[in-house]
N, C-alpha and C. Protein backbone atom coordinates (compact mmCIF):
# COMPACT_ATOMS: atom_id res chain seq x y z
N MET A 1 0.86 -1.30 0.02
CA MET A 1 0.04 -0.02 0.08
C MET A 1 0.82 1.20 -0.02
N ILE A 2 0.58 2.20 -0.92
CA ILE A 2 1.22 3.41 -0.97
C ILE A 2 0.48 4.50 -0.06
N GLY A 3 0.98 4.84 1.07
CA GLY A 3 0.31 5.74 1.94
C GLY A 3 0.67 7.21 1.86
N ARG A 4 1.91 7.55 1.25
CA ARG A 4 2.34 8.91 1.29
C ARG A 4 3.37 8.98 0.02
N ILE A 5 3.21 10.09 -0.67
CA ILE A 5 4.15 10.41 -1.74
C ILE A 5 4.82 11.75 -1.37
N ALA A 6 6.11 11.78 -1.57
CA ALA A 6 6.82 13.13 -1.34
C ALA A 6 7.98 13.28 -2.43
N GLY A 7 7.93 14.38 -3.07
CA GLY A 7 8.97 14.61 -4.17
C GLY A 7 8.69 15.83 -4.79
N ILE A 8 9.13 15.88 -6.13
CA ILE A 8 9.05 17.10 -6.85
C ILE A 8 7.81 17.04 -7.81
N LEU A 9 6.94 18.25 -7.71
CA LEU A 9 5.77 18.41 -8.60
C LEU A 9 6.19 18.59 -9.98
N ASN A 10 6.03 17.52 -10.94
CA ASN A 10 6.45 17.61 -12.29
C ASN A 10 5.48 18.31 -13.13
N TYR A 11 4.16 17.91 -13.13
CA TYR A 11 3.14 18.51 -13.99
C TYR A 11 1.80 18.32 -13.38
N ARG A 12 0.92 19.17 -13.84
CA ARG A 12 -0.37 18.96 -13.33
C ARG A 12 -1.38 19.25 -14.54
N THR A 13 -2.58 18.54 -14.39
CA THR A 13 -3.65 18.73 -15.23
C THR A 13 -4.94 19.15 -14.37
N GLN A 14 -6.05 18.97 -15.10
CA GLN A 14 -7.22 19.27 -14.32
C GLN A 14 -7.56 18.60 -13.04
N ASP A 15 -7.37 17.34 -13.04
CA ASP A 15 -7.64 16.50 -11.89
C ASP A 15 -6.55 15.64 -11.36
N HIS A 16 -5.37 15.75 -11.87
CA HIS A 16 -4.28 15.01 -11.23
C HIS A 16 -2.91 15.64 -11.51
N VAL A 17 -1.97 15.19 -10.74
CA VAL A 17 -0.65 15.71 -10.84
C VAL A 17 0.30 14.42 -10.98
N LEU A 18 1.60 14.93 -11.42
CA LEU A 18 2.63 13.79 -11.40
C LEU A 18 3.88 14.26 -10.44
N ILE A 19 4.08 13.54 -9.60
CA ILE A 19 5.12 13.82 -8.52
C ILE A 19 6.24 12.80 -8.80
N ASP A 20 7.49 13.51 -8.98
CA ASP A 20 8.77 12.76 -9.20
C ASP A 20 9.40 12.30 -7.94
N VAL A 21 9.44 11.11 -7.72
CA VAL A 21 10.18 10.51 -6.40
C VAL A 21 11.31 9.78 -6.89
N ARG A 22 12.47 10.43 -6.82
CA ARG A 22 13.80 9.81 -7.12
C ARG A 22 13.79 9.17 -8.46
N GLY A 23 13.23 9.97 -9.49
CA GLY A 23 13.33 9.50 -10.89
C GLY A 23 12.02 8.63 -11.25
N VAL A 24 11.16 8.29 -10.31
CA VAL A 24 9.90 7.57 -10.51
C VAL A 24 8.67 8.56 -10.59
N GLY A 25 7.95 8.65 -11.55
CA GLY A 25 6.81 9.53 -11.62
C GLY A 25 5.52 8.82 -11.21
N TYR A 26 4.90 9.38 -10.08
CA TYR A 26 3.61 8.94 -9.61
C TYR A 26 2.48 9.76 -10.02
N LEU A 27 1.47 9.13 -10.65
CA LEU A 27 0.23 10.03 -11.06
C LEU A 27 -0.68 9.94 -9.91
N VAL A 28 -1.09 11.12 -9.40
CA VAL A 28 -1.90 11.25 -8.27
C VAL A 28 -3.17 12.08 -8.54
N TYR A 29 -4.34 11.53 -8.34
CA TYR A 29 -5.62 12.24 -8.50
C TYR A 29 -5.91 13.06 -7.28
N VAL A 30 -6.31 14.27 -7.37
CA VAL A 30 -6.60 15.19 -6.26
C VAL A 30 -7.86 15.88 -6.48
N SER A 31 -8.40 16.49 -5.49
CA SER A 31 -9.53 17.26 -5.54
C SER A 31 -9.22 18.79 -5.94
N ASP A 32 -10.17 19.52 -6.27
CA ASP A 32 -9.81 20.87 -6.63
C ASP A 32 -9.27 21.81 -5.56
N ARG A 33 -9.70 21.55 -4.30
CA ARG A 33 -9.14 22.24 -3.19
C ARG A 33 -7.61 21.88 -2.99
N THR A 34 -7.29 20.54 -3.19
CA THR A 34 -5.90 20.06 -2.98
C THR A 34 -5.04 20.65 -4.13
N MET A 35 -5.59 20.64 -5.27
CA MET A 35 -4.86 21.16 -6.38
C MET A 35 -4.46 22.63 -6.23
N ALA A 36 -5.37 23.48 -5.71
CA ALA A 36 -5.24 24.85 -5.49
C ALA A 36 -4.28 25.03 -4.41
N SER A 37 -3.99 24.09 -3.57
CA SER A 37 -3.00 24.27 -2.48
C SER A 37 -1.68 23.85 -2.78
N LEU A 38 -1.40 23.07 -3.84
CA LEU A 38 -0.12 22.58 -4.23
C LEU A 38 0.84 23.72 -4.72
N PRO A 39 2.22 23.46 -4.59
CA PRO A 39 3.13 24.60 -5.01
C PRO A 39 3.24 24.57 -6.36
N ALA A 40 4.12 25.45 -6.90
CA ALA A 40 4.42 25.55 -8.30
C ALA A 40 5.22 24.38 -8.82
N LEU A 41 5.23 24.20 -10.18
CA LEU A 41 5.87 23.08 -10.77
C LEU A 41 7.32 23.24 -10.49
N GLY A 42 8.00 22.05 -10.17
CA GLY A 42 9.40 22.07 -9.86
C GLY A 42 9.67 22.23 -8.45
N GLU A 43 8.66 22.39 -7.51
CA GLU A 43 8.88 22.56 -6.11
C GLU A 43 8.53 21.32 -5.45
N ALA A 44 8.92 21.12 -4.12
CA ALA A 44 8.64 19.97 -3.37
C ALA A 44 7.24 19.85 -2.85
N CYS A 45 6.70 18.73 -2.80
CA CYS A 45 5.34 18.56 -2.29
C CYS A 45 5.27 17.13 -1.62
N ALA A 46 4.21 17.01 -0.80
CA ALA A 46 3.94 15.80 -0.16
C ALA A 46 2.49 15.56 0.03
N LEU A 47 1.89 14.30 -0.18
CA LEU A 47 0.50 14.06 -0.15
C LEU A 47 0.32 12.70 0.52
N TYR A 48 -0.59 12.52 1.38
CA TYR A 48 -1.05 11.33 1.73
C TYR A 48 -1.78 10.68 0.59
N THR A 49 -1.81 9.36 0.52
CA THR A 49 -2.41 8.79 -0.72
C THR A 49 -3.29 7.53 -0.29
N GLU A 50 -4.26 7.20 -1.24
CA GLU A 50 -5.01 6.03 -1.08
C GLU A 50 -4.98 5.40 -2.37
N LEU A 51 -4.74 4.08 -2.31
CA LEU A 51 -4.61 3.37 -3.67
C LEU A 51 -5.94 2.65 -4.02
N LEU A 52 -6.58 2.88 -5.18
CA LEU A 52 -7.74 2.32 -5.52
C LEU A 52 -7.25 1.12 -6.58
N VAL A 53 -7.65 -0.16 -6.24
CA VAL A 53 -7.18 -1.31 -7.06
C VAL A 53 -8.43 -1.81 -7.84
N ARG A 54 -8.42 -1.83 -9.07
CA ARG A 54 -9.36 -2.36 -9.81
C ARG A 54 -8.71 -3.61 -10.74
N GLU A 55 -9.50 -4.33 -11.43
CA GLU A 55 -9.04 -5.44 -12.23
C GLU A 55 -8.09 -4.91 -13.30
N ASP A 56 -8.55 -3.83 -13.93
CA ASP A 56 -7.73 -3.26 -15.06
C ASP A 56 -6.99 -2.03 -14.87
N ASN A 57 -7.00 -1.54 -13.55
CA ASN A 57 -6.51 -0.25 -13.28
C ASN A 57 -6.07 -0.03 -11.91
N LEU A 58 -5.02 0.80 -11.59
CA LEU A 58 -4.60 1.22 -10.34
C LEU A 58 -4.61 2.63 -10.31
N GLN A 59 -5.18 3.32 -9.33
CA GLN A 59 -5.25 4.80 -9.31
C GLN A 59 -4.82 5.17 -7.98
N LEU A 60 -3.93 6.33 -7.85
CA LEU A 60 -3.61 6.91 -6.52
C LEU A 60 -4.37 8.16 -6.31
N PHE A 61 -4.93 8.49 -5.18
CA PHE A 61 -5.65 9.64 -4.90
C PHE A 61 -4.80 10.21 -3.61
N GLY A 62 -4.73 11.60 -3.85
CA GLY A 62 -3.87 12.34 -2.87
C GLY A 62 -4.62 13.28 -2.05
N PHE A 63 -4.12 13.47 -0.80
CA PHE A 63 -4.74 14.39 0.12
C PHE A 63 -3.83 15.18 1.00
N LEU A 64 -4.21 16.38 1.35
CA LEU A 64 -3.28 17.25 2.14
C LEU A 64 -3.15 16.90 3.58
N SER A 65 -4.10 16.10 4.14
CA SER A 65 -4.16 15.77 5.59
C SER A 65 -4.73 14.33 5.81
N LEU A 66 -4.41 13.84 6.88
CA LEU A 66 -4.96 12.46 7.24
C LEU A 66 -6.53 12.65 7.38
N GLN A 67 -6.97 13.81 7.94
CA GLN A 67 -8.43 13.97 8.04
C GLN A 67 -9.15 13.89 6.74
N GLU A 68 -8.55 14.54 5.78
CA GLU A 68 -9.09 14.47 4.43
C GLU A 68 -9.13 13.09 3.86
N LYS A 69 -7.89 12.36 4.04
CA LYS A 69 -7.88 10.89 3.53
C LYS A 69 -9.01 10.12 4.23
N GLU A 70 -9.06 10.13 5.51
CA GLU A 70 -10.05 9.49 6.32
C GLU A 70 -11.52 9.73 5.81
N TRP A 71 -11.84 10.96 5.43
CA TRP A 71 -13.15 11.20 4.93
C TRP A 71 -13.43 10.50 3.58
N HIS A 72 -12.21 10.62 2.66
CA HIS A 72 -12.35 9.84 1.49
C HIS A 72 -12.60 8.46 1.66
N ARG A 73 -12.07 7.80 2.65
CA ARG A 73 -12.16 6.26 2.91
C ARG A 73 -13.68 6.02 3.39
N LEU A 74 -14.29 6.89 4.19
CA LEU A 74 -15.63 6.76 4.59
C LEU A 74 -16.50 7.13 3.52
N LEU A 75 -16.34 8.10 2.77
CA LEU A 75 -17.16 8.49 1.66
C LEU A 75 -17.39 7.30 0.65
N ILE A 76 -16.31 6.81 0.20
CA ILE A 76 -16.33 5.66 -0.83
C ILE A 76 -16.94 4.40 -0.21
N SER A 77 -17.13 4.25 1.14
CA SER A 77 -17.88 3.11 1.75
C SER A 77 -19.26 3.25 1.65
N VAL A 78 -19.75 4.39 1.24
CA VAL A 78 -21.27 4.61 1.01
C VAL A 78 -21.70 4.13 -0.33
N GLN A 79 -22.73 3.35 -0.52
CA GLN A 79 -23.26 2.85 -1.71
C GLN A 79 -23.50 3.99 -2.69
N GLY A 80 -22.96 3.98 -3.76
CA GLY A 80 -23.34 5.07 -4.81
C GLY A 80 -22.32 6.08 -4.83
N ILE A 81 -21.23 6.12 -3.91
CA ILE A 81 -20.27 7.09 -3.90
C ILE A 81 -18.90 6.47 -4.27
N GLY A 82 -18.36 6.72 -5.36
CA GLY A 82 -17.25 6.27 -5.92
C GLY A 82 -16.01 7.14 -5.60
N ALA A 83 -14.84 6.92 -6.16
CA ALA A 83 -13.81 7.83 -5.87
C ALA A 83 -14.01 9.27 -6.44
N LYS A 84 -14.60 9.25 -7.72
CA LYS A 84 -14.94 10.54 -8.27
C LYS A 84 -15.79 11.37 -7.52
N ALA A 85 -16.86 10.86 -7.05
CA ALA A 85 -17.73 11.57 -6.27
C ALA A 85 -17.31 12.04 -4.99
N SER A 86 -16.44 11.14 -4.35
CA SER A 86 -15.83 11.53 -3.02
C SER A 86 -14.94 12.73 -3.20
N MET A 87 -14.07 12.76 -4.28
CA MET A 87 -13.21 13.83 -4.61
C MET A 87 -14.01 15.17 -4.86
N ALA A 88 -15.20 14.93 -5.49
CA ALA A 88 -16.06 16.11 -5.82
C ALA A 88 -16.66 16.77 -4.41
N ILE A 89 -17.03 15.82 -3.68
CA ILE A 89 -17.49 16.28 -2.24
C ILE A 89 -16.51 16.97 -1.54
N LEU A 90 -15.21 16.44 -1.52
CA LEU A 90 -14.18 17.11 -0.73
C LEU A 90 -13.69 18.31 -1.46
N GLY A 91 -13.73 18.31 -2.75
CA GLY A 91 -13.30 19.49 -3.43
C GLY A 91 -14.34 20.67 -3.21
N THR A 92 -15.57 20.37 -3.00
CA THR A 92 -16.65 21.37 -2.82
C THR A 92 -16.68 21.87 -1.29
N LEU A 93 -16.73 20.87 -0.44
CA LEU A 93 -16.88 21.19 0.98
C LEU A 93 -15.51 21.27 1.78
N GLY A 94 -14.46 20.48 1.38
CA GLY A 94 -13.29 20.40 2.21
C GLY A 94 -13.48 19.49 3.33
N PRO A 95 -12.52 18.95 4.01
CA PRO A 95 -12.69 18.02 5.18
C PRO A 95 -13.39 18.54 6.20
N ASN A 96 -13.27 19.86 6.57
CA ASN A 96 -13.94 20.58 7.63
C ASN A 96 -15.36 20.70 7.45
N GLY A 97 -15.67 21.08 6.11
CA GLY A 97 -17.07 21.27 5.72
C GLY A 97 -18.00 20.10 5.65
N ILE A 98 -17.35 18.86 5.20
CA ILE A 98 -18.07 17.70 5.01
C ILE A 98 -18.36 17.22 6.62
N GLY A 99 -17.41 17.28 7.49
CA GLY A 99 -17.69 16.97 8.75
C GLY A 99 -18.85 17.68 9.38
N ARG A 100 -18.83 18.98 9.21
CA ARG A 100 -19.85 19.84 9.74
C ARG A 100 -21.19 19.36 9.12
N ALA A 101 -21.22 19.16 7.86
CA ALA A 101 -22.53 18.91 7.14
C ALA A 101 -23.06 17.49 7.66
N ILE A 102 -22.32 16.59 7.69
CA ILE A 102 -22.72 15.26 8.27
C ILE A 102 -23.15 15.33 9.83
N ALA A 103 -22.33 16.07 10.54
CA ALA A 103 -22.77 16.15 11.93
C ALA A 103 -24.02 16.89 12.24
N LEU A 104 -24.40 17.82 11.37
CA LEU A 104 -25.58 18.52 11.41
C LEU A 104 -26.67 18.03 10.53
N GLY A 105 -26.46 16.95 9.85
CA GLY A 105 -27.52 16.39 8.98
C GLY A 105 -27.91 17.21 7.77
N ASP A 106 -26.87 18.06 7.29
CA ASP A 106 -27.14 18.83 6.22
C ASP A 106 -26.82 18.30 4.85
N TRP A 107 -27.76 17.52 4.37
CA TRP A 107 -27.54 16.84 3.16
C TRP A 107 -27.55 17.81 1.92
N ASN A 108 -28.23 18.99 2.08
CA ASN A 108 -28.14 19.93 0.98
C ASN A 108 -26.72 20.36 0.62
N ALA A 109 -25.98 20.51 1.71
CA ALA A 109 -24.55 20.91 1.49
C ALA A 109 -23.78 19.85 0.73
N VAL A 110 -23.96 18.56 1.01
CA VAL A 110 -23.36 17.45 0.34
C VAL A 110 -23.83 17.44 -1.13
N LYS A 111 -25.28 17.84 -1.30
CA LYS A 111 -25.72 17.68 -2.74
C LYS A 111 -25.21 18.85 -3.72
N ALA A 112 -24.52 19.78 -2.99
CA ALA A 112 -23.87 20.89 -3.77
C ALA A 112 -22.77 20.46 -4.62
N ALA A 113 -22.18 19.25 -4.24
CA ALA A 113 -21.08 18.81 -5.07
C ALA A 113 -21.47 18.34 -6.39
N PRO A 114 -20.77 18.49 -7.45
CA PRO A 114 -21.05 18.02 -8.78
C PRO A 114 -21.28 16.57 -8.90
N GLY A 115 -22.39 16.20 -9.54
CA GLY A 115 -22.68 14.79 -9.65
C GLY A 115 -23.26 14.11 -8.55
N VAL A 116 -23.69 14.74 -7.53
CA VAL A 116 -24.11 14.14 -6.27
C VAL A 116 -25.59 14.61 -6.09
N GLY A 117 -26.51 13.56 -6.22
CA GLY A 117 -27.95 13.91 -6.26
C GLY A 117 -28.50 13.81 -4.75
N PRO A 118 -29.74 14.19 -4.53
CA PRO A 118 -30.37 14.25 -3.28
C PRO A 118 -30.43 13.01 -2.50
N LYS A 119 -30.73 11.86 -3.22
CA LYS A 119 -30.73 10.62 -2.54
C LYS A 119 -29.44 10.16 -2.00
N ILE A 120 -28.42 10.27 -2.88
CA ILE A 120 -27.06 9.92 -2.49
C ILE A 120 -26.54 10.84 -1.30
N ALA A 121 -26.93 12.14 -1.41
CA ALA A 121 -26.43 13.08 -0.30
C ALA A 121 -27.01 12.67 0.95
N GLN A 122 -28.43 12.35 0.95
CA GLN A 122 -29.10 11.86 2.15
C GLN A 122 -28.31 10.55 2.69
N ARG A 123 -28.12 9.64 1.70
CA ARG A 123 -27.53 8.46 2.27
C ARG A 123 -25.99 8.68 2.97
N VAL A 124 -25.35 9.58 2.39
CA VAL A 124 -24.11 9.93 2.88
C VAL A 124 -24.26 10.37 4.48
N VAL A 125 -25.23 11.39 4.61
CA VAL A 125 -25.36 11.96 5.93
C VAL A 125 -25.81 10.73 6.90
N ASN A 126 -26.85 10.03 6.44
CA ASN A 126 -27.42 9.01 7.33
C ASN A 126 -26.41 7.96 7.73
N GLU A 127 -25.64 7.45 6.82
CA GLU A 127 -24.62 6.45 7.02
C GLU A 127 -23.45 6.84 7.71
N LEU A 128 -23.05 8.11 7.68
CA LEU A 128 -21.88 8.51 8.27
C LEU A 128 -21.99 9.23 9.46
N LYS A 129 -23.23 9.75 9.92
CA LYS A 129 -23.47 10.59 11.08
C LYS A 129 -22.82 10.03 12.30
N ASP A 130 -22.87 8.68 12.58
CA ASP A 130 -22.24 8.17 13.70
C ASP A 130 -20.76 8.01 13.78
N LYS A 131 -20.12 8.43 12.52
CA LYS A 131 -18.69 8.28 12.43
C LYS A 131 -18.08 9.55 12.20
N ALA A 132 -18.85 10.66 12.15
CA ALA A 132 -18.27 11.98 11.88
C ALA A 132 -17.36 12.42 13.10
N HIS A 133 -17.70 12.15 14.26
CA HIS A 133 -16.89 12.60 15.39
C HIS A 133 -15.44 12.14 15.33
N ALA A 134 -15.38 10.89 14.95
CA ALA A 134 -14.10 10.13 14.94
C ALA A 134 -13.02 10.93 14.02
N VAL A 135 -13.68 11.28 12.78
CA VAL A 135 -12.75 11.92 11.89
C VAL A 135 -12.57 13.42 12.19
N MET A 136 -13.62 14.10 12.69
CA MET A 136 -13.46 15.48 13.20
C MET A 136 -12.45 15.57 14.20
N ALA A 137 -12.30 14.63 15.06
CA ALA A 137 -11.34 14.50 16.21
C ALA A 137 -9.81 14.49 15.62
N LEU A 138 -9.67 14.06 14.47
CA LEU A 138 -8.30 14.00 13.92
C LEU A 138 -7.71 15.41 13.72
N GLY A 139 -8.53 16.50 13.68
CA GLY A 139 -8.00 17.79 13.33
C GLY A 139 -7.42 17.86 12.04
N THR A 140 -6.30 18.62 11.78
CA THR A 140 -5.80 18.64 10.49
C THR A 140 -4.33 18.51 10.68
N VAL A 141 -3.89 17.32 11.23
CA VAL A 141 -2.51 16.90 11.42
C VAL A 141 -1.98 16.62 9.96
N THR A 142 -0.95 17.40 9.67
CA THR A 142 -0.35 17.03 8.37
C THR A 142 1.17 16.97 8.45
N GLU A 143 1.77 16.48 7.31
CA GLU A 143 3.20 16.52 7.23
C GLU A 143 3.73 17.94 7.03
N SER A 144 5.03 18.28 7.64
CA SER A 144 5.49 19.46 7.22
C SER A 144 6.04 19.34 5.77
N ASP A 145 6.13 20.49 5.08
CA ASP A 145 6.58 20.56 3.80
C ASP A 145 7.96 19.96 3.74
N PRO A 146 8.12 19.00 2.90
CA PRO A 146 9.43 18.24 2.70
C PRO A 146 10.56 19.20 2.26
N VAL A 147 11.77 18.92 2.73
CA VAL A 147 12.87 19.54 2.22
C VAL A 147 13.57 18.63 1.16
N VAL A 148 13.73 19.01 -0.04
CA VAL A 148 14.22 18.19 -1.14
C VAL A 148 15.56 18.70 -1.49
N GLU A 149 16.51 17.93 -1.59
CA GLU A 149 17.85 18.27 -2.17
C GLU A 149 18.10 17.53 -3.29
N ARG A 150 18.86 18.07 -4.22
CA ARG A 150 19.19 17.40 -5.51
C ARG A 150 20.59 17.07 -5.40
N ASP A 151 20.94 15.83 -5.94
CA ASP A 151 22.31 15.38 -6.12
C ASP A 151 22.44 14.82 -7.47
N ASP A 152 22.79 15.64 -8.43
CA ASP A 152 22.92 15.26 -9.82
C ASP A 152 21.47 14.76 -10.18
N ASP A 153 21.17 13.49 -10.52
CA ASP A 153 20.03 13.04 -11.02
C ASP A 153 19.19 12.36 -9.83
N MET A 154 19.60 12.42 -8.70
CA MET A 154 19.04 11.77 -7.59
C MET A 154 18.34 12.90 -6.75
N VAL A 155 17.12 12.65 -6.19
CA VAL A 155 16.48 13.54 -5.38
C VAL A 155 16.39 12.87 -3.94
N VAL A 156 16.95 13.58 -3.00
CA VAL A 156 17.08 13.19 -1.63
C VAL A 156 16.07 13.97 -0.81
N GLU A 157 15.09 13.25 -0.05
CA GLU A 157 14.07 13.86 0.76
C GLU A 157 14.62 13.92 2.30
N VAL A 158 14.32 14.98 2.88
CA VAL A 158 14.57 15.07 4.28
C VAL A 158 13.26 15.69 4.82
N THR A 159 12.46 14.87 5.72
CA THR A 159 11.18 15.14 6.07
C THR A 159 11.11 15.55 7.49
N PRO A 160 10.77 16.74 7.95
CA PRO A 160 10.54 17.01 9.29
C PRO A 160 9.52 16.23 9.97
N LYS A 161 9.44 16.28 11.26
CA LYS A 161 8.33 15.58 12.05
C LYS A 161 6.96 16.16 11.69
N PRO A 162 5.90 15.23 11.93
CA PRO A 162 4.55 15.72 11.54
C PRO A 162 4.24 16.81 12.51
N ARG A 163 3.40 17.87 11.97
CA ARG A 163 2.91 18.97 12.69
C ARG A 163 1.46 19.21 12.43
N ARG A 164 0.86 20.12 13.24
CA ARG A 164 -0.52 20.49 12.98
C ARG A 164 -0.44 21.59 12.05
N ALA A 165 -1.25 21.56 10.97
CA ALA A 165 -1.31 22.77 10.09
C ALA A 165 -1.83 23.99 10.75
N LYS A 166 -1.04 25.15 10.63
CA LYS A 166 -1.46 26.38 11.36
C LYS A 166 -1.72 27.49 10.41
N ALA A 167 -1.30 27.39 9.12
CA ALA A 167 -1.27 28.51 8.26
C ALA A 167 -2.80 28.99 7.71
N ALA A 168 -3.59 28.02 7.47
CA ALA A 168 -4.81 28.32 7.05
C ALA A 168 -5.83 28.56 8.08
N PRO A 169 -6.72 29.55 8.11
CA PRO A 169 -7.90 29.61 9.15
C PRO A 169 -8.72 28.33 9.12
N GLN A 170 -9.04 27.75 8.15
CA GLN A 170 -9.80 26.54 8.09
C GLN A 170 -9.14 25.48 8.93
N ALA A 171 -7.82 25.31 8.72
CA ALA A 171 -7.03 24.35 9.55
C ALA A 171 -7.06 24.59 11.01
N ALA A 172 -6.79 25.86 11.31
CA ALA A 172 -6.84 26.30 12.72
C ALA A 172 -8.33 25.89 13.25
N ASN A 173 -9.30 26.18 12.65
CA ASN A 173 -10.71 25.95 13.09
C ASN A 173 -10.86 24.42 13.25
N ALA A 174 -10.51 23.73 12.34
CA ALA A 174 -10.60 22.23 12.30
C ALA A 174 -9.89 21.72 13.65
N ASN A 175 -8.69 22.23 13.99
CA ASN A 175 -8.05 21.84 15.17
C ASN A 175 -8.82 22.18 16.43
N ALA A 176 -9.32 23.36 16.35
CA ALA A 176 -10.10 23.86 17.47
C ALA A 176 -11.31 22.90 17.73
N GLN A 177 -11.97 22.45 16.63
CA GLN A 177 -13.01 21.58 16.69
C GLN A 177 -12.66 20.23 17.31
N ALA A 178 -11.46 19.77 16.83
CA ALA A 178 -11.08 18.48 17.35
C ALA A 178 -10.73 18.59 18.86
N ASP A 179 -10.13 19.70 19.38
CA ASP A 179 -9.87 19.79 20.81
C ASP A 179 -11.07 20.07 21.53
N ALA A 180 -12.20 20.68 20.86
CA ALA A 180 -13.43 20.86 21.67
C ALA A 180 -14.16 19.62 21.84
N LEU A 181 -14.16 18.65 20.80
CA LEU A 181 -14.77 17.45 20.74
C LEU A 181 -14.14 16.57 21.91
N SER A 182 -12.84 16.66 22.07
CA SER A 182 -12.14 15.87 23.08
C SER A 182 -12.51 16.34 24.39
N ALA A 183 -12.66 17.62 24.59
CA ALA A 183 -13.03 18.18 25.91
C ALA A 183 -14.45 17.81 26.24
N LEU A 184 -15.41 17.93 25.34
CA LEU A 184 -16.77 17.49 25.56
C LEU A 184 -16.83 15.95 25.84
N GLY A 185 -16.09 15.23 25.12
CA GLY A 185 -16.07 13.76 25.39
C GLY A 185 -15.65 13.43 27.07
N ASN A 186 -14.71 14.32 27.28
CA ASN A 186 -14.16 14.10 28.77
C ASN A 186 -15.21 14.48 29.78
N LEU A 187 -16.04 15.50 29.26
CA LEU A 187 -17.16 15.87 30.16
C LEU A 187 -18.39 14.81 30.23
N GLY A 188 -18.30 13.88 29.37
CA GLY A 188 -19.23 12.87 29.33
C GLY A 188 -20.37 12.92 28.29
N TYR A 189 -20.25 13.81 27.35
CA TYR A 189 -21.16 14.05 26.36
C TYR A 189 -20.95 12.90 25.26
N GLY A 190 -21.98 12.39 24.68
CA GLY A 190 -21.89 11.39 23.68
C GLY A 190 -21.21 11.90 22.44
N PRO A 191 -20.63 11.01 21.54
CA PRO A 191 -19.91 11.49 20.38
C PRO A 191 -20.67 12.24 19.36
N GLY A 192 -21.92 11.66 19.16
CA GLY A 192 -22.88 12.17 18.22
C GLY A 192 -23.36 13.60 18.64
N ASP A 193 -23.81 13.76 19.83
CA ASP A 193 -24.30 14.98 20.51
C ASP A 193 -23.17 16.04 20.38
N ALA A 194 -21.97 15.57 20.78
CA ALA A 194 -20.82 16.49 20.90
C ALA A 194 -20.43 16.94 19.43
N ALA A 195 -20.38 16.06 18.47
CA ALA A 195 -20.09 16.46 17.18
C ALA A 195 -20.99 17.47 16.55
N SER A 196 -22.39 17.17 16.77
CA SER A 196 -23.28 18.12 16.23
C SER A 196 -23.25 19.45 16.84
N ALA A 197 -23.03 19.63 18.08
CA ALA A 197 -23.02 20.86 18.90
C ALA A 197 -21.75 21.64 18.41
N VAL A 198 -20.64 20.95 18.43
CA VAL A 198 -19.35 21.64 17.95
C VAL A 198 -19.43 22.12 16.51
N ALA A 199 -20.08 21.29 15.56
CA ALA A 199 -20.24 21.58 14.07
C ALA A 199 -21.21 22.88 14.08
N GLN A 200 -22.32 22.91 14.84
CA GLN A 200 -23.09 24.02 14.74
C GLN A 200 -22.48 25.32 15.45
N ALA A 201 -21.78 25.19 16.45
CA ALA A 201 -20.96 26.29 16.94
C ALA A 201 -19.93 26.77 16.01
N ALA A 202 -19.25 25.83 15.34
CA ALA A 202 -18.20 26.29 14.41
C ALA A 202 -18.89 27.00 13.18
N GLY A 203 -20.06 26.53 12.73
CA GLY A 203 -20.66 27.21 11.65
C GLY A 203 -21.17 28.68 11.99
N GLU A 204 -21.51 28.91 13.25
CA GLU A 204 -22.02 30.16 13.51
C GLU A 204 -20.81 31.11 13.87
N THR A 205 -19.77 30.52 14.41
CA THR A 205 -18.62 31.33 14.70
C THR A 205 -17.30 30.76 14.05
N PRO A 206 -17.05 30.84 12.76
CA PRO A 206 -16.05 30.13 12.03
C PRO A 206 -14.52 30.36 12.59
N ASP A 207 -14.41 31.57 13.10
CA ASP A 207 -13.00 31.84 13.65
C ASP A 207 -12.81 31.56 15.09
N SER A 208 -13.75 30.81 15.65
CA SER A 208 -13.57 30.59 17.11
C SER A 208 -12.42 29.71 17.49
N ASN A 209 -11.93 29.99 18.68
CA ASN A 209 -10.84 29.23 19.21
C ASN A 209 -11.42 28.01 20.11
N THR A 210 -10.70 27.13 20.57
CA THR A 210 -11.07 26.05 21.27
C THR A 210 -12.09 26.56 22.54
N ALA A 211 -11.66 27.30 23.34
CA ALA A 211 -12.53 27.77 24.47
C ALA A 211 -13.83 28.30 23.97
N THR A 212 -13.86 29.09 22.97
CA THR A 212 -15.18 29.55 22.48
C THR A 212 -15.99 28.61 22.01
N LEU A 213 -15.59 27.61 21.26
CA LEU A 213 -16.24 26.54 20.69
C LEU A 213 -16.89 25.56 21.81
N ILE A 214 -16.00 25.33 22.83
CA ILE A 214 -16.53 24.55 23.85
C ILE A 214 -17.71 25.32 24.70
N ARG A 215 -17.43 26.62 24.85
CA ARG A 215 -18.50 27.33 25.59
C ARG A 215 -19.89 27.51 24.86
N GLU A 216 -19.73 27.68 23.50
CA GLU A 216 -20.96 27.76 22.67
C GLU A 216 -21.61 26.35 22.51
N ALA A 217 -20.74 25.25 22.42
CA ALA A 217 -21.35 24.03 22.26
C ALA A 217 -22.03 23.64 23.52
N LEU A 218 -21.55 23.95 24.67
CA LEU A 218 -22.21 23.61 25.98
C LEU A 218 -23.57 24.25 26.03
N LYS A 219 -23.60 25.51 25.53
CA LYS A 219 -24.87 26.14 25.59
C LYS A 219 -25.99 25.42 24.64
N LEU A 220 -25.46 24.87 23.67
CA LEU A 220 -26.39 24.15 22.72
C LEU A 220 -26.72 22.79 23.37
N LEU A 221 -25.78 22.31 24.17
CA LEU A 221 -26.15 20.96 24.75
C LEU A 221 -26.86 21.01 26.09
N ALA A 222 -26.97 22.37 26.63
CA ALA A 222 -27.75 22.50 27.83
C ALA A 222 -29.22 22.12 27.65
N PRO A 223 -29.81 21.47 28.67
CA PRO A 223 -31.21 21.21 28.71
C PRO A 223 -32.04 22.38 28.33
N LYS A 224 -33.07 22.30 27.57
CA LYS A 224 -33.94 23.38 27.20
C LYS A 224 -35.13 23.38 28.13
N GLY A 225 -35.59 24.59 28.47
CA GLY A 225 -36.75 24.78 29.23
C GLY A 225 -36.53 24.73 30.80
């Protein structure tokens, strides 16, 4: 199983890229969001990957974070969702957005992805709602950008230790959601209720830190009346 690719970005097309790893080119399919986040041609890049095995074809799909990869694995487990539809959903919503949509039961958000109809969108939400909290709790742990050195025709990679992505606001919010979920679990709230409350709080206050998300989620979880 090929779980991660790191090397030089050689070329890109509409839905896939080629990454040169020490002279071997790996063709990797990516979502629109991932494509937009990749560096310029000739620069170093790294992607988590999932290998799709068919009788007549092998395809690699690439992801910026383990959270995104795990959502892909869950999405393709739903009947009617193939790799192409999964990448469309992730490209439209991102890993943070799909987690929020499923936790809140918002199948209309899933339906916004190209090629995904209402019945399939509802099936995604219904089948994955009890699993959303586990993937949301991953946050956006990613690999640091690889340092690639050239030695004649050889490419040598030096990879720093994994870190949490901090650059993008969406990544910071996803990490805050993960920490809030953990805190609510420690307080005794069920995974499904906690995920729904954190997702709603994150949707209402997208730039919230962990403390704010916990406070707002607790308000939502408080008994009514």
